């Protein structure tokens, strides 16, 4: 009897994407590009 318990690696990938985008939104890094609002992307 062999058992494998695991979490998908998309867990850390989703967390990384969330943290990076949260950083961009919080500090307004990409809030405006060429006078166009781009905060919606992050």
ModelCIF file with pLDDT and N, C-alpha, C, O atoms, coordinates in Angstrom:
data_MODEL
#
_entry.id   MODEL 
#
_entity.id                         1 
_entity.type                       polymer 
_entity.pdbx_number_of_molecules   1 
#
_entity_poly.entity_id                      1 
_entity_poly.type                           'polypeptide(L)' 
_entity_poly.nstd_linkage                   no 
_entity_poly.nstd_monomer                   no 
_entity_poly.pdbx_seq_one_letter_code       
;(UNK)(UNK)(UNK)(UNK)(UNK)(UNK)(UNK)(UNK)(UNK)(UNK)(UNK)(UNK)(UNK)(UNK)(UNK)(UNK)
(UNK)(UNK)(UNK)(UNK)(UNK)(UNK)(UNK)(UNK)(UNK)(UNK)(UNK)(UNK)(UNK)(UNK)(UNK)(UNK)
(UNK)(UNK)(UNK)(UNK)(UNK)(UNK)(UNK)(UNK)(UNK)(UNK)
;
_entity_poly.pdbx_seq_one_letter_code_can   XXXXXXXXXXXXXXXXXXXXXXXXXXXXXXXXXXXXXXXXXX 
_entity_poly.pdbx_strand_id                 A 
#
loop_
_entity_poly_seq.entity_id 
_entity_poly_seq.num 
_entity_poly_seq.mon_id 
_entity_poly_seq.hetero 
1 1  UNK n 
1 2  UNK n 
1 3  UNK n 
1 4  UNK n 
1 5  UNK n 
1 6  UNK n 
1 7  UNK n 
1 8  UNK n 
1 9  UNK n 
1 10 UNK n 
1 11 UNK n 
1 12 UNK n 
1 13 UNK n 
1 14 UNK n 
1 15 UNK n 
1 16 UNK n 
1 17 UNK n 
1 18 UNK n 
1 19 UNK n 
1 20 UNK n 
1 21 UNK n 
1 22 UNK n 
1 23 UNK n 
1 24 UNK n 
1 25 UNK n 
1 26 UNK n 
1 27 UNK n 
1 28 UNK n 
1 29 UNK n 
1 30 UNK n 
1 31 UNK n 
1 32 UNK n 
1 33 UNK n 
1 34 UNK n 
1 35 UNK n 
1 36 UNK n 
1 37 UNK n 
1 38 UNK n 
1 39 UNK n 
1 40 UNK n 
1 41 UNK n 
1 42 UNK n 
#
_struct_asym.id          A 
_struct_asym.entity_id   1 
#
loop_
_ma_qa_metric.id 
_ma_qa_metric.mode 
_ma_qa_metric.name 
_ma_qa_metric.software_group_id 
_ma_qa_metric.type 
1 global pLDDT . pLDDT 
2 local  pLDDT . pLDDT 
#
_ma_qa_metric_global.metric_id      1 
_ma_qa_metric_global.metric_value   76.24 
_ma_qa_metric_global.model_id       1 
_ma_qa_metric_global.ordinal_id     1 
#
loop_
_ma_qa_metric_local.label_asym_id 
_ma_qa_metric_local.label_comp_id 
_ma_qa_metric_local.label_seq_id 
_ma_qa_metric_local.metric_id 
_ma_qa_metric_local.metric_value 
_ma_qa_metric_local.model_id 
_ma_qa_metric_local.ordinal_id 
A UNK 1  2 95.00 1 1  
A UNK 2  2 95.00 1 2  
A UNK 3  2 95.00 1 3  
A UNK 4  2 92.00 1 4  
A UNK 5  2 91.00 1 5  
A UNK 6  2 88.00 1 6  
A UNK 7  2 87.00 1 7  
A UNK 8  2 84.00 1 8  
A UNK 9  2 79.00 1 9  
A UNK 10 2 80.00 1 10 
A UNK 11 2 82.00 1 11 
A UNK 12 2 79.00 1 12 
A UNK 13 2 84.00 1 13 
A UNK 14 2 84.00 1 14 
A UNK 15 2 86.00 1 15 
A UNK 16 2 86.00 1 16 
A UNK 17 2 88.00 1 17 
A UNK 18 2 86.00 1 18 
A UNK 19 2 89.00 1 19 
A UNK 20 2 88.00 1 20 
A UNK 21 2 85.00 1 21 
A UNK 22 2 85.00 1 22 
A UNK 23 2 84.00 1 23 
A UNK 24 2 81.00 1 24 
A UNK 25 2 78.00 1 25 
A UNK 26 2 79.00 1 26 
A UNK 27 2 72.00 1 27 
A UNK 28 2 67.00 1 28 
A UNK 29 2 60.00 1 29 
A UNK 30 2 59.00 1 30 
A UNK 31 2 54.00 1 31 
A UNK 32 2 52.00 1 32 
A UNK 33 2 49.00 1 33 
A UNK 34 2 45.00 1 34 
A UNK 35 2 50.00 1 35 
A UNK 36 2 50.00 1 36 
A UNK 37 2 57.00 1 37 
A UNK 38 2 64.00 1 38 
A UNK 39 2 63.00 1 39 
A UNK 40 2 73.00 1 40 
A UNK 41 2 78.00 1 41 
A UNK 42 2 79.00 1 42 
#
loop_
_atom_site.group_PDB 
_atom_site.id 
_atom_site.type_symbol 
_atom_site.label_atom_id 
_atom_site.label_alt_id 
_atom_site.label_comp_id 
_atom_site.label_asym_id 
_atom_site.label_entity_id 
_atom_site.label_seq_id 
_atom_site.pdbx_PDB_ins_code 
_atom_site.Cartn_x 
_atom_site.Cartn_y 
_atom_site.Cartn_z 
_atom_site.occupancy 
_atom_site.B_iso_or_equiv 
_atom_site.pdbx_formal_charge 
_atom_site.auth_seq_id 
_atom_site.auth_comp_id 
_atom_site.auth_asym_id 
_atom_site.auth_atom_id 
_atom_site.pdbx_PDB_model_num 
ATOM 1   N N  . UNK A 1 1  ? 0.856  -1.188 0.000   1.00 95.00 ? 1  UNK A N  1 
ATOM 2   C CA . UNK A 1 1  ? 0.000  0.000  0.000   1.00 95.00 ? 1  UNK A CA 1 
ATOM 3   C C  . UNK A 1 1  ? 0.895  1.242  0.000   1.00 95.00 ? 1  UNK A C  1 
ATOM 4   O O  . UNK A 1 1  ? 1.679  1.452  0.926   1.00 95.00 ? 1  UNK A O  1 
ATOM 5   N N  . UNK A 1 2  ? 0.769  2.062  -1.051  1.00 95.00 ? 2  UNK A N  1 
ATOM 6   C CA . UNK A 1 2  ? 1.601  3.257  -1.193  1.00 95.00 ? 2  UNK A CA 1 
ATOM 7   C C  . UNK A 1 2  ? 0.704  4.492  -1.214  1.00 95.00 ? 2  UNK A C  1 
ATOM 8   O O  . UNK A 1 2  ? -0.337 4.509  -1.871  1.00 95.00 ? 2  UNK A O  1 
ATOM 9   N N  . UNK A 1 3  ? 1.123  5.520  -0.487  1.00 95.00 ? 3  UNK A N  1 
ATOM 10  C CA . UNK A 1 3  ? 0.316  6.730  -0.322  1.00 95.00 ? 3  UNK A CA 1 
ATOM 11  C C  . UNK A 1 3  ? 1.115  7.951  -0.751  1.00 95.00 ? 3  UNK A C  1 
ATOM 12  O O  . UNK A 1 3  ? 2.286  8.097  -0.404  1.00 95.00 ? 3  UNK A O  1 
ATOM 13  N N  . UNK A 1 4  ? 0.464  8.822  -1.509  1.00 92.00 ? 4  UNK A N  1 
ATOM 14  C CA . UNK A 1 4  ? 1.053  10.095 -1.912  1.00 92.00 ? 4  UNK A CA 1 
ATOM 15  C C  . UNK A 1 4  ? 0.080  11.210 -1.557  1.00 92.00 ? 4  UNK A C  1 
ATOM 16  O O  . UNK A 1 4  ? -1.034 11.259 -2.078  1.00 92.00 ? 4  UNK A O  1 
ATOM 17  N N  . UNK A 1 5  ? 0.503  12.103 -0.672  1.00 91.00 ? 5  UNK A N  1 
ATOM 18  C CA . UNK A 1 5  ? -0.275 13.286 -0.329  1.00 91.00 ? 5  UNK A CA 1 
ATOM 19  C C  . UNK A 1 5  ? 0.493  14.507 -0.820  1.00 91.00 ? 5  UNK A C  1 
ATOM 20  O O  . UNK A 1 5  ? 1.701  14.614 -0.607  1.00 91.00 ? 5  UNK A O  1 
ATOM 21  N N  . UNK A 1 6  ? -0.207 15.423 -1.475  1.00 88.00 ? 6  UNK A N  1 
ATOM 22  C CA . UNK A 1 6  ? 0.504  16.556 -2.063  1.00 88.00 ? 6  UNK A CA 1 
ATOM 23  C C  . UNK A 1 6  ? -0.436 17.734 -2.294  1.00 88.00 ? 6  UNK A C  1 
ATOM 24  O O  . UNK A 1 6  ? -1.659 17.598 -2.301  1.00 88.00 ? 6  UNK A O  1 
ATOM 25  N N  . UNK A 1 7  ? 0.186  18.892 -2.481  1.00 87.00 ? 7  UNK A N  1 
ATOM 26  C CA . UNK A 1 7  ? -0.493 20.100 -2.920  1.00 87.00 ? 7  UNK A CA 1 
ATOM 27  C C  . UNK A 1 7  ? 0.037  20.460 -4.305  1.00 87.00 ? 7  UNK A C  1 
ATOM 28  O O  . UNK A 1 7  ? 1.220  20.268 -4.588  1.00 87.00 ? 7  UNK A O  1 
ATOM 29  N N  . UNK A 1 8  ? -0.819 20.971 -5.153  1.00 84.00 ? 8  UNK A N  1 
ATOM 30  C CA . UNK A 1 8  ? -0.387 21.364 -6.488  1.00 84.00 ? 8  UNK A CA 1 
ATOM 31  C C  . UNK A 1 8  ? 0.603  22.520 -6.408  1.00 84.00 ? 8  UNK A C  1 
ATOM 32  O O  . UNK A 1 8  ? 0.489  23.392 -5.546  1.00 84.00 ? 8  UNK A O  1 
ATOM 33  N N  . UNK A 1 9  ? 1.580  22.515 -7.322  1.00 79.00 ? 9  UNK A N  1 
ATOM 34  C CA . UNK A 1 9  ? 2.571  23.592 -7.316  1.00 79.00 ? 9  UNK A CA 1 
ATOM 35  C C  . UNK A 1 9  ? 1.980  24.916 -7.760  1.00 79.00 ? 9  UNK A C  1 
ATOM 36  O O  . UNK A 1 9  ? 2.625  25.955 -7.620  1.00 79.00 ? 9  UNK A O  1 
ATOM 37  N N  . UNK A 1 10 ? 0.751  24.901 -8.299  1.00 80.00 ? 10 UNK A N  1 
ATOM 38  C CA . UNK A 1 10 ? 0.095  26.155 -8.650  1.00 80.00 ? 10 UNK A CA 1 
ATOM 39  C C  . UNK A 1 10 ? -0.248 26.966 -7.400  1.00 80.00 ? 10 UNK A C  1 
ATOM 40  O O  . UNK A 1 10 ? -0.600 28.141 -7.507  1.00 80.00 ? 10 UNK A O  1 
ATOM 41  N N  . UNK A 1 11 ? -0.151 26.354 -6.220  1.00 82.00 ? 11 UNK A N  1 
ATOM 42  C CA . UNK A 1 11 ? -0.398 27.076 -4.973  1.00 82.00 ? 11 UNK A CA 1 
ATOM 43  C C  . UNK A 1 11 ? 0.618  28.195 -4.785  1.00 82.00 ? 11 UNK A C  1 
ATOM 44  O O  . UNK A 1 11 ? 0.246  29.341 -4.530  1.00 82.00 ? 11 UNK A O  1 
ATOM 45  N N  . UNK A 1 12 ? 1.926  27.858 -4.914  1.00 79.00 ? 12 UNK A N  1 
ATOM 46  C CA . UNK A 1 12 ? 2.934  28.899 -4.738  1.00 79.00 ? 12 UNK A CA 1 
ATOM 47  C C  . UNK A 1 12 ? 2.996  29.839 -5.944  1.00 79.00 ? 12 UNK A C  1 
ATOM 48  O O  . UNK A 1 12 ? 3.353  31.009 -5.806  1.00 79.00 ? 12 UNK A O  1 
ATOM 49  N N  . UNK A 1 13 ? 2.652  29.328 -7.114  1.00 84.00 ? 13 UNK A N  1 
ATOM 50  C CA . UNK A 1 13 ? 2.653  30.200 -8.293  1.00 84.00 ? 13 UNK A CA 1 
ATOM 51  C C  . UNK A 1 13 ? 1.551  31.249 -8.204  1.00 84.00 ? 13 UNK A C  1 
ATOM 52  O O  . UNK A 1 13 ? 1.763  32.414 -8.540  1.00 84.00 ? 13 UNK A O  1 
ATOM 53  N N  . UNK A 1 14 ? 0.366  30.825 -7.746  1.00 84.00 ? 14 UNK A N  1 
ATOM 54  C CA . UNK A 1 14 ? -0.718 31.784 -7.558  1.00 84.00 ? 14 UNK A CA 1 
ATOM 55  C C  . UNK A 1 14 ? -0.399 32.788 -6.462  1.00 84.00 ? 14 UNK A C  1 
ATOM 56  O O  . UNK A 1 14 ? -0.710 33.973 -6.580  1.00 84.00 ? 14 UNK A O  1 
ATOM 57  N N  . UNK A 1 15 ? 0.230  32.300 -5.385  1.00 86.00 ? 15 UNK A N  1 
ATOM 58  C CA . UNK A 1 15 ? 0.606  33.196 -4.290  1.00 86.00 ? 15 UNK A CA 1 
ATOM 59  C C  . UNK A 1 15 ? 1.634  34.224 -4.756  1.00 86.00 ? 15 UNK A C  1 
ATOM 60  O O  . UNK A 1 15 ? 1.561  35.397 -4.391  1.00 86.00 ? 15 UNK A O  1 
ATOM 61  N N  . UNK A 1 16 ? 2.592  33.772 -5.567  1.00 86.00 ? 16 UNK A N  1 
ATOM 62  C CA . UNK A 1 16 ? 3.617  34.686 -6.077  1.00 86.00 ? 16 UNK A CA 1 
ATOM 63  C C  . UNK A 1 16 ? 3.001  35.749 -6.980  1.00 86.00 ? 16 UNK A C  1 
ATOM 64  O O  . UNK A 1 16 ? 3.345  36.927 -6.883  1.00 86.00 ? 16 UNK A O  1 
ATOM 65  N N  . UNK A 1 17 ? 2.090  35.332 -7.859  1.00 88.00 ? 17 UNK A N  1 
ATOM 66  C CA . UNK A 1 17 ? 1.421  36.281 -8.744  1.00 88.00 ? 17 UNK A CA 1 
ATOM 67  C C  . UNK A 1 17 ? 0.616  37.300 -7.945  1.00 88.00 ? 17 UNK A C  1 
ATOM 68  O O  . UNK A 1 17 ? 0.619  38.488 -8.265  1.00 88.00 ? 17 UNK A O  1 
ATOM 69  N N  . UNK A 1 18 ? -0.069 36.837 -6.910  1.00 86.00 ? 18 UNK A N  1 
ATOM 70  C CA . UNK A 1 18 ? -0.866 37.729 -6.079  1.00 86.00 ? 18 UNK A CA 1 
ATOM 71  C C  . UNK A 1 18 ? 0.014  38.753 -5.360  1.00 86.00 ? 18 UNK A C  1 
ATOM 72  O O  . UNK A 1 18 ? -0.311 39.941 -5.339  1.00 86.00 ? 18 UNK A O  1 
ATOM 73  N N  . UNK A 1 19 ? 1.124  38.302 -4.772  1.00 89.00 ? 19 UNK A N  1 
ATOM 74  C CA . UNK A 1 19 ? 2.006  39.196 -4.025  1.00 89.00 ? 19 UNK A CA 1 
ATOM 75  C C  . UNK A 1 19 ? 2.646  40.234 -4.942  1.00 89.00 ? 19 UNK A C  1 
ATOM 76  O O  . UNK A 1 19 ? 2.717  41.411 -4.589  1.00 89.00 ? 19 UNK A O  1 
ATOM 77  N N  . UNK A 1 20 ? 3.109  39.810 -6.111  1.00 88.00 ? 20 UNK A N  1 
ATOM 78  C CA . UNK A 1 20 ? 3.748  40.742 -7.045  1.00 88.00 ? 20 UNK A CA 1 
ATOM 79  C C  . UNK A 1 20 ? 2.755  41.802 -7.507  1.00 88.00 ? 20 UNK A C  1 
ATOM 80  O O  . UNK A 1 20 ? 3.072  42.992 -7.528  1.00 88.00 ? 20 UNK A O  1 
ATOM 81  N N  . UNK A 1 21 ? 1.554  41.368 -7.877  1.00 85.00 ? 21 UNK A N  1 
ATOM 82  C CA . UNK A 1 21 ? 0.548  42.324 -8.345  1.00 85.00 ? 21 UNK A CA 1 
ATOM 83  C C  . UNK A 1 21 ? 0.086  43.246 -7.218  1.00 85.00 ? 21 UNK A C  1 
ATOM 84  O O  . UNK A 1 21 ? -0.193 44.423 -7.447  1.00 85.00 ? 21 UNK A O  1 
ATOM 85  N N  . UNK A 1 22 ? 0.006  42.704 -6.000  1.00 85.00 ? 22 UNK A N  1 
ATOM 86  C CA . UNK A 1 22 ? -0.345 43.538 -4.851  1.00 85.00 ? 22 UNK A CA 1 
ATOM 87  C C  . UNK A 1 22 ? 0.709  44.619 -4.616  1.00 85.00 ? 22 UNK A C  1 
ATOM 88  O O  . UNK A 1 22 ? 0.379  45.759 -4.286  1.00 85.00 ? 22 UNK A O  1 
ATOM 89  N N  . UNK A 1 23 ? 1.962  44.255 -4.786  1.00 84.00 ? 23 UNK A N  1 
ATOM 90  C CA . UNK A 1 23 ? 3.054  45.225 -4.653  1.00 84.00 ? 23 UNK A CA 1 
ATOM 91  C C  . UNK A 1 23 ? 2.934  46.317 -5.711  1.00 84.00 ? 23 UNK A C  1 
ATOM 92  O O  . UNK A 1 23 ? 3.116  47.497 -5.413  1.00 84.00 ? 23 UNK A O  1 
ATOM 93  N N  . UNK A 1 24 ? 2.629  45.926 -6.939  1.00 81.00 ? 24 UNK A N  1 
ATOM 94  C CA . UNK A 1 24 ? 2.509  46.903 -8.026  1.00 81.00 ? 24 UNK A CA 1 
ATOM 95  C C  . UNK A 1 24 ? 1.354  47.863 -7.794  1.00 81.00 ? 24 UNK A C  1 
ATOM 96  O O  . UNK A 1 24 ? 1.464  49.060 -8.057  1.00 81.00 ? 24 UNK A O  1 
ATOM 97  N N  . UNK A 1 25 ? 0.245  47.327 -7.299  1.00 78.00 ? 25 UNK A N  1 
ATOM 98  C CA . UNK A 1 25 ? -0.918 48.178 -7.042  1.00 78.00 ? 25 UNK A CA 1 
ATOM 99  C C  . UNK A 1 25 ? -0.669 49.096 -5.848  1.00 78.00 ? 25 UNK A C  1 
ATOM 100 O O  . UNK A 1 25 ? -1.003 50.280 -5.894  1.00 78.00 ? 25 UNK A O  1 
ATOM 101 N N  . UNK A 1 26 ? -0.084 48.553 -4.779  1.00 79.00 ? 26 UNK A N  1 
ATOM 102 C CA . UNK A 1 26 ? 0.105  49.315 -3.542  1.00 79.00 ? 26 UNK A CA 1 
ATOM 103 C C  . UNK A 1 26 ? 1.042  50.493 -3.739  1.00 79.00 ? 26 UNK A C  1 
ATOM 104 O O  . UNK A 1 26 ? 0.811  51.571 -3.190  1.00 79.00 ? 26 UNK A O  1 
ATOM 105 N N  . UNK A 1 27 ? 2.101  50.297 -4.518  1.00 72.00 ? 27 UNK A N  1 
ATOM 106 C CA . UNK A 1 27 ? 3.098  51.344 -4.684  1.00 72.00 ? 27 UNK A CA 1 
ATOM 107 C C  . UNK A 1 27 ? 2.930  52.101 -6.004  1.00 72.00 ? 27 UNK A C  1 
ATOM 108 O O  . UNK A 1 27 ? 3.725  52.985 -6.325  1.00 72.00 ? 27 UNK A O  1 
ATOM 109 N N  . UNK A 1 28 ? 1.903  51.752 -6.757  1.00 67.00 ? 28 UNK A N  1 
ATOM 110 C CA . UNK A 1 28 ? 1.614  52.479 -7.986  1.00 67.00 ? 28 UNK A CA 1 
ATOM 111 C C  . UNK A 1 28 ? 2.723  52.429 -9.004  1.00 67.00 ? 28 UNK A C  1 
ATOM 112 O O  . UNK A 1 28 ? 2.956  53.400 -9.724  1.00 67.00 ? 28 UNK A O  1 
ATOM 113 N N  . UNK A 1 29 ? 3.417  51.294 -9.072  1.00 60.00 ? 29 UNK A N  1 
ATOM 114 C CA . UNK A 1 29 ? 4.563  51.174 -9.984  1.00 60.00 ? 29 UNK A CA 1 
ATOM 115 C C  . UNK A 1 29 ? 4.126  51.292 -11.434 1.00 60.00 ? 29 UNK A C  1 
ATOM 116 O O  . UNK A 1 29 ? 4.813  51.923 -12.237 1.00 60.00 ? 29 UNK A O  1 
ATOM 117 N N  . UNK A 1 30 ? 3.003  50.698 -11.776 1.00 59.00 ? 30 UNK A N  1 
ATOM 118 C CA . UNK A 1 30 ? 2.538  50.735 -13.165 1.00 59.00 ? 30 UNK A CA 1 
ATOM 119 C C  . UNK A 1 30 ? 1.144  51.356 -13.218 1.00 59.00 ? 30 UNK A C  1 
ATOM 120 O O  . UNK A 1 30 ? 0.300  50.942 -14.013 1.00 59.00 ? 30 UNK A O  1 
ATOM 121 N N  . UNK A 1 31 ? 0.914  52.342 -12.376 1.00 54.00 ? 31 UNK A N  1 
ATOM 122 C CA . UNK A 1 31 ? -0.417 52.969 -12.348 1.00 54.00 ? 31 UNK A CA 1 
ATOM 123 C C  . UNK A 1 31 ? -0.702 53.795 -13.585 1.00 54.00 ? 31 UNK A C  1 
ATOM 124 O O  . UNK A 1 31 ? -1.859 54.017 -13.943 1.00 54.00 ? 31 UNK A O  1 
ATOM 125 N N  . UNK A 1 32 ? 0.374  54.256 -14.245 1.00 52.00 ? 32 UNK A N  1 
ATOM 126 C CA . UNK A 1 32 ? 0.172  55.085 -15.427 1.00 52.00 ? 32 UNK A CA 1 
ATOM 127 C C  . UNK A 1 32 ? 1.331  54.896 -16.387 1.00 52.00 ? 32 UNK A C  1 
ATOM 128 O O  . UNK A 1 32 ? 2.493  55.026 -16.000 1.00 52.00 ? 32 UNK A O  1 
ATOM 129 N N  . UNK A 1 33 ? 1.016  54.589 -17.646 1.00 49.00 ? 33 UNK A N  1 
ATOM 130 C CA . UNK A 1 33 ? 2.019  54.441 -18.693 1.00 49.00 ? 33 UNK A CA 1 
ATOM 131 C C  . UNK A 1 33 ? 1.583  55.298 -19.870 1.00 49.00 ? 33 UNK A C  1 
ATOM 132 O O  . UNK A 1 33 ? 0.515  55.080 -20.443 1.00 49.00 ? 33 UNK A O  1 
ATOM 133 N N  . UNK A 1 34 ? 2.416  56.277 -20.232 1.00 45.00 ? 34 UNK A N  1 
ATOM 134 C CA . UNK A 1 34 ? 2.113  57.205 -21.326 1.00 45.00 ? 34 UNK A CA 1 
ATOM 135 C C  . UNK A 1 34 ? 0.743  57.849 -21.130 1.00 45.00 ? 34 UNK A C  1 
ATOM 136 O O  . UNK A 1 34 ? -0.087 57.896 -22.038 1.00 45.00 ? 34 UNK A O  1 
ATOM 137 N N  . UNK A 1 35 ? 0.538  58.350 -19.889 1.00 50.00 ? 35 UNK A N  1 
ATOM 138 C CA . UNK A 1 35 ? -0.674 59.082 -19.509 1.00 50.00 ? 35 UNK A CA 1 
ATOM 139 C C  . UNK A 1 35 ? -1.944 58.231 -19.593 1.00 50.00 ? 35 UNK A C  1 
ATOM 140 O O  . UNK A 1 35 ? -3.045 58.775 -19.676 1.00 50.00 ? 35 UNK A O  1 
ATOM 141 N N  . UNK A 1 36 ? -1.805 56.926 -19.573 1.00 50.00 ? 36 UNK A N  1 
ATOM 142 C CA . UNK A 1 36 ? -2.957 56.032 -19.568 1.00 50.00 ? 36 UNK A CA 1 
ATOM 143 C C  . UNK A 1 36 ? -2.934 55.204 -18.288 1.00 50.00 ? 36 UNK A C  1 
ATOM 144 O O  . UNK A 1 36 ? -1.899 54.656 -17.907 1.00 50.00 ? 36 UNK A O  1 
ATOM 145 N N  . UNK A 1 37 ? -4.076 55.122 -17.637 1.00 57.00 ? 37 UNK A N  1 
ATOM 146 C CA . UNK A 1 37 ? -4.172 54.356 -16.387 1.00 57.00 ? 37 UNK A CA 1 
ATOM 147 C C  . UNK A 1 37 ? -4.036 52.864 -16.684 1.00 57.00 ? 37 UNK A C  1 
ATOM 148 O O  . UNK A 1 37 ? -4.755 52.304 -17.512 1.00 57.00 ? 37 UNK A O  1 
ATOM 149 N N  . UNK A 1 38 ? -3.094 52.242 -15.984 1.00 64.00 ? 38 UNK A N  1 
ATOM 150 C CA . UNK A 1 38 ? -2.847 50.806 -16.216 1.00 64.00 ? 38 UNK A CA 1 
ATOM 151 C C  . UNK A 1 38 ? -2.947 50.001 -14.929 1.00 64.00 ? 38 UNK A C  1 
ATOM 152 O O  . UNK A 1 38 ? -2.519 48.847 -14.886 1.00 64.00 ? 38 UNK A O  1 
ATOM 153 N N  . UNK A 1 39 ? -3.520 50.609 -13.858 1.00 63.00 ? 39 UNK A N  1 
ATOM 154 C CA . UNK A 1 39 ? -3.614 49.891 -12.587 1.00 63.00 ? 39 UNK A CA 1 
ATOM 155 C C  . UNK A 1 39 ? -4.519 48.670 -12.699 1.00 63.00 ? 39 UNK A C  1 
ATOM 156 O O  . UNK A 1 39 ? -4.440 47.769 -11.864 1.00 63.00 ? 39 UNK A O  1 
ATOM 157 N N  . UNK A 1 40 ? -5.380 48.623 -13.720 1.00 73.00 ? 40 UNK A N  1 
ATOM 158 C CA . UNK A 1 40 ? -6.303 47.496 -13.864 1.00 73.00 ? 40 UNK A CA 1 
ATOM 159 C C  . UNK A 1 40 ? -5.601 46.181 -14.163 1.00 73.00 ? 40 UNK A C  1 
ATOM 160 O O  . UNK A 1 40 ? -6.101 45.116 -13.801 1.00 73.00 ? 40 UNK A O  1 
ATOM 161 N N  . UNK A 1 41 ? -4.443 46.244 -14.821 1.00 78.00 ? 41 UNK A N  1 
ATOM 162 C CA . UNK A 1 41 ? -3.731 45.009 -15.159 1.00 78.00 ? 41 UNK A CA 1 
ATOM 163 C C  . UNK A 1 41 ? -3.214 44.286 -13.919 1.00 78.00 ? 41 UNK A C  1 
ATOM 164 O O  . UNK A 1 41 ? -3.478 43.092 -13.776 1.00 78.00 ? 41 UNK A O  1 
ATOM 165 N N  . UNK A 1 42 ? -2.485 44.955 -13.009 1.00 79.00 ? 42 UNK A N  1 
ATOM 166 C CA . UNK A 1 42 ? -2.076 44.248 -11.788 1.00 79.00 ? 42 UNK A CA 1 
ATOM 167 C C  . UNK A 1 42 ? -3.253 43.878 -10.898 1.00 79.00 ? 42 UNK A C  1 
ATOM 168 O O  . UNK A 1 42 ? -3.062 43.281 -9.839  1.00 79.00 ? 42 UNK A O  1 
#
